[in-house]
Protein backbone atom coordinates (compact mmCIF):
# COMPACT_ATOMS: atom_id res chain seq x y z
CA MET A 1 93.11 77.40 74.78
CA HIS A 2 93.49 79.54 71.66
CA VAL A 3 90.72 79.15 69.10
CA LEU A 4 91.44 80.10 65.51
CA ARG A 5 88.83 82.34 64.01
CA GLU A 6 87.69 81.59 60.49
CA ASP A 7 88.95 84.97 59.25
CA HIS A 8 92.48 84.03 60.39
CA LEU A 9 92.63 80.89 58.28
CA LYS A 10 94.30 81.58 54.96
CA LYS A 11 95.48 79.19 52.33
CA LYS A 12 99.01 79.72 51.10
CA THR A 13 99.22 80.47 47.38
CA PRO A 14 102.58 79.21 46.09
CA PHE A 15 104.34 80.68 43.07
CA TYR A 16 107.70 80.26 41.39
CA LYS A 17 110.31 82.76 42.58
CA GLU A 18 111.91 82.66 39.14
CA ARG A 19 108.81 83.74 37.22
CA ASP A 20 109.05 86.66 34.80
CA GLU A 21 106.08 89.00 35.19
CA LYS A 22 106.57 90.59 31.76
CA LYS A 23 106.48 87.19 30.03
CA ARG A 24 103.43 86.23 32.10
CA GLU A 25 101.58 89.37 30.97
CA GLU A 26 102.49 88.73 27.32
CA PHE A 27 101.32 85.13 27.59
CA GLN A 28 98.07 86.20 29.29
CA LYS A 29 97.34 88.63 26.43
CA ARG A 30 97.93 85.89 23.84
CA LEU A 31 95.76 83.46 25.82
CA GLU A 32 92.88 85.95 26.04
CA LYS A 33 92.68 85.97 22.23
CA ILE A 34 91.81 82.26 22.24
CA ALA A 35 88.19 81.45 23.02
CA GLU A 36 87.79 79.34 26.18
CA GLU A 37 86.02 76.55 24.26
CA ASN A 38 89.06 76.27 21.96
CA ARG A 39 91.66 75.93 24.72
CA VAL A 40 93.16 72.57 25.61
CA TYR A 41 95.18 72.21 28.80
CA VAL A 42 97.66 69.35 29.23
CA ASP A 43 98.81 68.02 32.58
CA GLU A 44 100.88 65.12 33.93
CA ARG A 45 100.57 63.72 37.46
CA LYS A 46 102.14 60.91 39.43
CA ILE A 47 100.02 58.45 41.36
CA ASN A 48 101.58 56.75 44.37
CA GLU A 49 99.92 53.53 45.52
CA CYS A 50 101.25 54.00 49.03
CA LEU A 51 99.64 57.29 49.95
CA GLN A 52 99.88 58.47 53.53
CA ARG A 53 99.19 61.69 55.32
CA GLN A 54 102.21 63.78 56.24
CA ASN A 55 100.34 65.80 58.88
CA ALA A 56 97.89 64.99 61.64
CA ARG A 57 95.96 66.75 64.38
CA GLY A 58 96.44 66.01 68.01
CA PRO A 59 96.58 67.63 71.42
CA ARG A 60 99.06 70.50 71.64
CA GLU A 61 102.62 69.49 72.57
CA GLU A 62 101.89 65.77 71.99
CA LYS A 63 103.40 63.74 69.16
CA VAL A 64 101.05 62.00 66.77
CA TYR A 65 102.14 58.61 65.46
CA GLY A 66 100.92 56.85 62.33
CA GLY A 67 101.95 53.60 60.70
CA VAL A 68 103.33 53.57 57.18
CA SER A 69 103.96 50.65 54.88
CA GLY A 70 107.57 49.58 54.42
CA ASN A 71 106.76 47.99 51.07
CA ARG A 72 107.94 49.65 47.89
CA TYR A 73 105.36 50.40 45.25
CA PHE A 74 105.59 51.43 41.62
CA ARG A 75 104.57 54.94 40.90
CA GLU A 76 102.26 55.30 37.98
CA SER A 77 101.86 58.50 36.06
CA PHE A 78 98.97 59.91 34.17
CA ILE A 79 98.84 62.38 31.25
CA ALA A 80 95.59 63.87 30.02
CA ALA A 81 94.21 66.94 28.33
CA GLN A 82 91.20 69.01 29.33
CA ASN A 83 88.86 71.09 27.19
CA GLN A 84 86.38 72.91 29.40
CA SER A 85 84.89 70.03 31.43
CA SER A 86 85.92 67.23 29.04
CA ILE A 87 88.91 64.98 29.71
CA LEU A 88 90.72 64.04 26.51
CA ALA A 89 93.28 61.33 25.72
CA PRO A 90 93.95 59.93 29.21
CA PHE A 91 97.15 57.88 29.27
CA CYS A 92 98.59 55.95 32.22
CA TYR A 93 102.18 54.69 32.30
CA THR A 94 104.87 53.48 34.71
CA GLY A 95 108.19 55.28 34.77
CA ILE A 96 109.21 58.80 33.87
CA CYS A 97 107.81 61.03 31.19
CA ASN A 98 110.57 61.99 28.78
CA THR A 99 110.40 63.93 25.53
CA ASP A 100 109.92 60.79 23.42
CA LEU A 101 106.96 59.60 25.50
CA LEU A 102 105.29 63.01 25.55
CA ASN A 103 105.75 63.52 21.80
CA ALA A 104 104.38 60.03 21.08
CA TRP A 105 101.32 60.76 23.26
CA LEU A 106 100.77 64.12 21.57
CA GLN A 107 101.08 62.70 18.05
CA GLN A 108 99.37 59.34 18.43
CA VAL A 109 96.77 59.84 21.16
CA LEU A 110 95.88 63.48 21.73
CA THR A 111 95.80 64.68 18.12
CA ALA A 112 93.34 61.89 17.28
CA GLU A 113 90.88 63.40 19.78
CA LEU A 114 91.46 67.10 19.11
CA LYS A 115 89.26 69.21 16.93
CA THR A 116 91.01 71.20 14.24
CA TRP A 117 90.45 74.52 16.07
CA ALA A 118 91.93 73.43 19.41
CA VAL A 119 94.98 75.19 20.83
CA CYS A 120 97.17 73.23 23.24
CA HIS A 121 98.64 74.94 26.28
CA PRO A 122 100.69 73.30 29.07
CA ARG A 123 98.89 73.77 32.37
């Protein structure tokens, strides 16, 4: 039986193959000029009601079976902003986030909570 040592366990760090290192460096320099307490990060996530694990542990060379629901569920999505440890303007919706929805959220919800010095940055 092979036992994995802790120093052999490494988490994969994904990145986009298409990224442009020069643009990343330029952006990082601009970002460093903004004080951390003035930065606002925006993120959007989908929430699936029917969550299930894709992987499982079991004895080597043996299949692991797990039941999944055959019912269809709506996916909800969530947009929010973060300033340091504060969550700002949380917004939950069903469907896809298009330009109209994002702009409406930015103009009607987020700007009402932002301080005048805040700088928004997509996360």
